[in-house]
Amino acid sequence: MKNGSTRRGKQNYKCRDCGRQAAGCQVVYLPPYSPDLNRIEKCWAWLKSRIRKLLPESPNLRDAMESVLKQAAS
């Protein structure tokens, strides 16, 4: 469940699918946005660091990106 506004009291949660009261269900609140928990953020950071290293040696940004992506795919 995404962290909504500020109200988080003991409420009677209902099943989203059937509308019945959720018996035995536990509501789990997700942490606020955390790039450390998101795998794609680590992937983008890795790709960007590799591109930055190759950029001075490459004729343009596109060539540097293609080179890094080819290395990552192999």
Protein backbone atom coordinates (compact mmCIF):
# COMPACT_ATOMS: atom_id res chain seq x y z
CA MET A 1 0.00 0.00 0.00
CA LYS A 2 1.48 3.34 -0.97
CA ASN A 3 2.05 5.83 1.78
CA GLY A 4 -0.85 8.20 1.41
CA SER A 5 -1.52 11.25 3.46
CA THR A 6 -1.27 11.24 7.23
CA ARG A 7 -4.23 9.16 8.44
CA ARG A 8 -3.21 5.71 9.59
CA GLY A 9 -5.45 4.66 12.38
CA LYS A 10 -6.92 1.28 13.09
CA GLN A 11 -9.48 1.09 10.37
CA ASN A 12 -11.58 -1.69 8.96
CA TYR A 13 -9.99 -2.41 5.63
CA LYS A 14 -12.11 -3.99 2.93
CA CYS A 15 -11.04 -6.33 0.22
CA ARG A 16 -10.54 -4.40 -3.00
CA ASP A 17 -11.91 -7.23 -5.15
CA CYS A 18 -15.07 -8.31 -3.37
CA GLY A 19 -15.75 -5.42 -0.96
CA ARG A 20 -15.96 -7.67 2.08
CA GLN A 21 -14.14 -6.87 5.25
CA ALA A 22 -10.62 -8.26 5.06
CA ALA A 23 -10.39 -10.85 7.82
CA GLY A 24 -6.90 -11.93 8.75
CA CYS A 25 -5.24 -9.55 6.30
CA GLN A 26 -2.36 -7.38 7.31
CA VAL A 27 -1.78 -3.93 5.84
CA VAL A 28 1.87 -3.35 5.07
CA TYR A 29 3.00 0.21 4.45
CA LEU A 30 5.77 0.69 1.94
CA PRO A 31 8.72 2.88 2.87
CA PRO A 32 8.96 6.31 1.27
CA TYR A 33 10.78 6.40 -2.05
CA SER A 34 14.14 4.78 -1.56
CA PRO A 35 16.47 4.33 -4.54
CA ASP A 36 18.52 1.85 -2.51
CA LEU A 37 15.60 -0.60 -2.56
CA ASN A 38 14.87 -0.15 -6.26
CA ARG A 39 17.00 -2.38 -8.50
CA ILE A 40 16.47 -0.33 -11.64
CA GLU A 41 17.99 2.72 -9.95
CA LYS A 42 21.19 0.75 -9.33
CA CYS A 43 21.19 -0.40 -12.94
CA TRP A 44 20.81 3.16 -14.26
CA ALA A 45 23.59 4.38 -11.95
CA TRP A 46 25.90 1.63 -13.25
CA LEU A 47 25.09 2.43 -16.89
CA LYS A 48 25.57 6.17 -16.39
CA SER A 49 28.94 5.70 -14.67
CA ARG A 50 30.18 3.48 -17.52
CA ILE A 51 28.97 5.96 -20.14
CA ARG A 52 30.73 8.82 -18.33
CA LYS A 53 34.00 6.85 -18.36
CA LEU A 54 33.78 6.17 -22.11
CA LEU A 55 32.52 9.61 -23.14
CA PRO A 56 35.94 11.34 -23.36
CA GLU A 57 37.21 8.56 -25.67
CA SER A 58 34.08 8.36 -27.85
CA PRO A 59 33.28 10.71 -30.73
CA ASN A 60 29.77 11.35 -29.36
CA LEU A 61 27.29 10.35 -26.67
CA ARG A 62 25.43 7.88 -28.86
CA ASP A 63 28.55 5.83 -29.59
CA ALA A 64 29.43 5.72 -25.89
CA MET A 65 25.91 4.57 -25.01
CA GLU A 66 25.89 1.89 -27.69
CA SER A 67 29.25 0.57 -26.55
CA VAL A 68 28.15 0.34 -22.91
CA LEU A 69 24.84 -1.30 -23.79
CA LYS A 70 26.59 -3.87 -25.98
CA GLN A 71 28.94 -4.70 -23.09
CA ALA A 72 26.00 -5.02 -20.69
CA ALA A 73 24.07 -7.30 -23.07
CA SER A 74 26.97 -9.70 -23.58
